[in-house]
Amino acid sequence: MCCTVVGAQEMENKQVNVRNRDDPATQDRGQPIALDVAVEKLRKLRDERGRYNPFPAPAKPAEKETA
């Protein structure tokens, strides 16, 4: 399930920050996207009755193991 976060900076820039509450990798502040782009993606998801995440999180670099 996705949630949309809108803070003062996002409101000023007409952007949203979309996070997947079930994915711990996306719980931190991600890259904001334009509001109209987010709305377009969500409408497409609704119209297709999709079950995919239109807002995939960028891959995080692997942590180095210490010996």
Protein backbone atom coordinates (compact mmCIF):
# COMPACT_ATOMS: atom_id res chain seq x y z
CA MET A 1 0.00 0.00 0.00
CA CYS A 2 1.32 3.42 -0.94
CA CYS A 3 1.01 6.58 1.06
CA THR A 4 1.58 10.09 -0.20
CA VAL A 5 3.50 12.51 1.98
CA VAL A 6 3.15 16.24 1.43
CA GLY A 7 5.21 18.57 3.57
CA ALA A 8 5.87 22.28 3.31
CA GLN A 9 8.60 21.85 0.69
CA GLU A 10 6.43 19.55 -1.44
CA MET A 11 3.47 21.94 -1.22
CA GLU A 12 5.61 24.87 -2.30
CA ASN A 13 6.96 22.93 -5.30
CA LYS A 14 3.66 21.15 -6.14
CA GLN A 15 5.28 17.77 -5.54
CA VAL A 16 4.52 14.64 -3.54
CA ASN A 17 6.66 12.02 -1.87
CA VAL A 18 5.21 8.55 -2.40
CA ARG A 19 6.19 5.75 -0.03
CA ASN A 20 5.23 2.10 0.19
CA ARG A 21 4.32 1.49 3.81
CA ASP A 22 4.99 -2.26 3.48
CA ASP A 23 8.51 -1.77 2.11
CA PRO A 24 11.06 -0.69 4.74
CA ALA A 25 13.42 0.47 1.96
CA THR A 26 11.02 3.32 1.11
CA GLN A 27 10.30 4.56 4.62
CA ASP A 28 12.91 7.32 4.48
CA ARG A 29 12.38 10.52 2.52
CA GLY A 30 12.59 9.65 -1.14
CA GLN A 31 12.78 11.75 -4.26
CA PRO A 32 9.68 13.95 -4.62
CA ILE A 33 7.83 13.76 -7.94
CA ALA A 34 5.57 16.28 -9.61
CA LEU A 35 1.97 16.14 -8.45
CA ASP A 36 0.60 15.81 -11.99
CA VAL A 37 2.93 12.85 -12.68
CA ALA A 38 1.79 11.11 -9.48
CA VAL A 39 -1.88 11.68 -10.34
CA GLU A 40 -1.33 10.31 -13.86
CA LYS A 41 0.35 7.16 -12.52
CA LEU A 42 -2.36 6.60 -9.91
CA ARG A 43 -5.14 7.05 -12.48
CA LYS A 44 -3.46 4.55 -14.80
CA LEU A 45 -3.13 2.08 -11.91
CA ARG A 46 -6.83 2.54 -11.09
CA ASP A 47 -7.98 2.24 -14.70
CA GLU A 48 -5.93 -0.92 -15.26
CA ARG A 49 -6.93 -2.27 -11.87
CA GLY A 50 -3.23 -2.86 -11.44
CA ARG A 51 -1.58 -4.57 -8.52
CA TYR A 52 1.90 -3.24 -9.15
CA ASN A 53 3.83 -0.39 -7.59
CA PRO A 54 4.05 2.52 -10.06
CA PHE A 55 6.51 4.23 -7.70
CA PRO A 56 9.38 1.75 -7.29
CA ALA A 57 12.05 2.73 -4.80
CA PRO A 58 15.54 3.26 -6.15
CA ALA A 59 17.89 0.43 -5.30
CA LYS A 60 20.02 1.11 -2.27
CA PRO A 61 23.71 0.24 -2.39
CA ALA A 62 24.63 -3.01 -0.68
CA GLU A 63 26.24 -2.65 2.72
CA LYS A 64 29.84 -3.73 2.96
CA GLU A 65 30.52 -6.62 5.29
CA THR A 66 33.19 -6.16 7.90
CA ALA A 67 35.38 -9.10 8.82
